Structure formats: structure tokens, C-alpha cells
C-alpha atoms as a PDB file:
ATOM      1  CA  MET A   1      11.428   0.032  67.439  1.00  0.00           C
ATOM      2  CA  LYS A   2       9.491  -2.687  69.281  1.00  0.00           C
ATOM      3  CA  THR A   3      10.236  -3.630  72.764  1.00  0.00           C
ATOM      4  CA  PHE A   4      10.824  -7.168  73.911  1.00  0.00           C
ATOM      5  CA  LEU A   5       7.275  -7.529  75.339  1.00  0.00           C
ATOM      6  CA  GLU A   6       5.832  -5.962  72.308  1.00  0.00           C
ATOM      7  CA  HIS A   7       7.035  -8.819  69.910  1.00  0.00           C
ATOM      8  CA  LEU A   8       5.613 -11.160  72.654  1.00  0.00           C
ATOM      9  CA  LYS A   9       1.782  -9.997  71.917  1.00  0.00           C
ATOM     10  CA  PRO A  10      -0.210 -11.915  69.643  1.00  0.00           C
ATOM     11  CA  LYS A  11      -1.499 -11.239  66.277  1.00  0.00           C
ATOM     12  CA  ASP A  12      -5.320 -11.503  65.924  1.00  0.00           C
ATOM     13  CA  GLY A  13      -6.250 -15.061  65.891  1.00  0.00           C
ATOM     14  CA  GLU A  14      -3.133 -16.166  68.241  1.00  0.00           C
ATOM     15  CA  ILE A  15      -2.868 -17.620  71.522  1.00  0.00           C
ATOM     16  CA  ASP A  16      -1.824 -15.591  73.895  1.00  0.00           C
ATOM     17  CA  HIS A  17       0.613 -17.596  75.835  1.00  0.00           C
ATOM     18  CA  VAL A  18       1.841 -14.828  78.232  1.00  0.00           C
ATOM     19  CA  SER A  19      -1.586 -14.199  79.692  1.00  0.00           C
ATOM     20  CA  LEU A  20      -2.530 -17.867  80.200  1.00  0.00           C
ATOM     21  CA  MET A  21       0.956 -18.440  81.932  1.00  0.00           C
ATOM     22  CA  LYS A  22       0.108 -15.838  84.203  1.00  0.00           C
ATOM     23  CA  HIS A  23      -3.454 -17.064  85.051  1.00  0.00           C
ATOM     24  CA  HIS A  24      -1.638 -20.887  85.232  1.00  0.00           C
ATOM     25  CA  LYS A  25       1.090 -19.486  87.479  1.00  0.00           C
ATOM     26  CA  LYS A  26      -1.709 -17.954  90.154  1.00  0.00           C
ATOM     27  CA  ALA A  27      -3.859 -20.689  89.777  1.00  0.00           C
ATOM     28  CA  ALA A  28      -1.296 -23.180  90.556  1.00  0.00           C
ATOM     29  CA  ILE A  29      -0.170 -20.833  93.652  1.00  0.00           C
ATOM     30  CA  GLU A  30      -3.577 -20.580  94.695  1.00  0.00           C
ATOM     31  CA  ALA A  31      -4.267 -24.543  94.454  1.00  0.00           C
ATOM     32  CA  LEU A  32      -1.366 -25.179  96.860  1.00  0.00           C
ATOM     33  CA  ARG A  33      -2.289 -22.495  99.269  1.00  0.00           C
ATOM     34  CA  LYS A  34      -5.892 -24.977  99.299  1.00  0.00           C
ATOM     35  CA  ASN A  35      -3.723 -27.960  99.262  1.00  0.00           C
ATOM     36  CA  ASP A  36      -4.993 -29.339  96.093  1.00  0.00           C
ATOM     37  CA  HIS A  37      -2.421 -30.990  94.736  1.00  0.00           C
ATOM     38  CA  ASP A  38      -3.897 -32.323  91.783  1.00  0.00           C
ATOM     39  CA  ALA A  39      -5.076 -28.744  90.762  1.00  0.00           C
ATOM     40  CA  ALA A  40      -1.665 -27.368  91.340  1.00  0.00           C
ATOM     41  CA  ALA A  41      -0.083 -30.345  88.995  1.00  0.00           C
ATOM     42  CA  TYR A  42      -2.769 -29.521  86.162  1.00  0.00           C
ATOM     43  CA  HIS A  43      -1.883 -25.564  86.366  1.00  0.00           C
ATOM     44  CA  SER A  44       2.049 -26.142  86.488  1.00  0.00           C
ATOM     45  CA  LYS A  45       1.807 -28.610  83.361  1.00  0.00           C
ATOM     46  CA  GLU A  46      -0.197 -25.871  81.424  1.00  0.00           C
ATOM     47  CA  PHE A  47       1.932 -23.102  82.365  1.00  0.00           C
ATOM     48  CA  ASN A  48       4.772 -25.505  81.004  1.00  0.00           C
ATOM     49  CA  LYS A  49       3.050 -26.030  77.891  1.00  0.00           C
ATOM     50  CA  HIS A  50       2.317 -22.187  77.002  1.00  0.00           C
ATOM     51  CA  GLU A  51       5.981 -21.333  78.198  1.00  0.00           C
ATOM     52  CA  GLU A  52       7.165 -24.011  75.480  1.00  0.00           C
ATOM     53  CA  ALA A  53       4.899 -22.860  72.988  1.00  0.00           C
ATOM     54  CA  LEU A  54       6.248 -19.417  73.542  1.00  0.00           C
ATOM     55  CA  LYS A  55       9.848 -20.488  73.302  1.00  0.00           C
ATOM     56  CA  ASN A  56       9.093 -21.768  69.832  1.00  0.00           C
ATOM     57  CA  ALA A  57       6.977 -19.185  68.789  1.00  0.00           C
ATOM     58  CA  THR A  58       8.486 -17.132  65.824  1.00  0.00           C
ATOM     59  CA  TYR A  59       7.717 -13.281  66.119  1.00  0.00           C
END
């Protein structure tokens, strides 16, 4: 039986939304540390796009 996280792993050729969410979260936090609000907004938006795609994905 697969665990929940195993269900989230992408198949070949699919986008790895979980890894991209992790990247954009870290990048947004780092941008805020540098007081770069434009970059933080971009990474936050990208994080949200991948989160929404993950919610809509059927596994």
C-alpha cells in the first residue's frame, strides 16, 4: 500500500509540484530577508500556482 507522499510523487514526464513548492517557499523567505518584495511576491505566486495544481491533480 502506498503512503500519502508516494501518491504525490510525479510519474515520468510530470511536473514535481511538491519540489517546486519547496523551492519557491525557500526563495520567497530568502527574498524577504533581502527586503526584495517583488521577488518575494513572484515566488509566493508561483508557490500558490503549484499548490493549486497539486490540489487539482488526480493520482
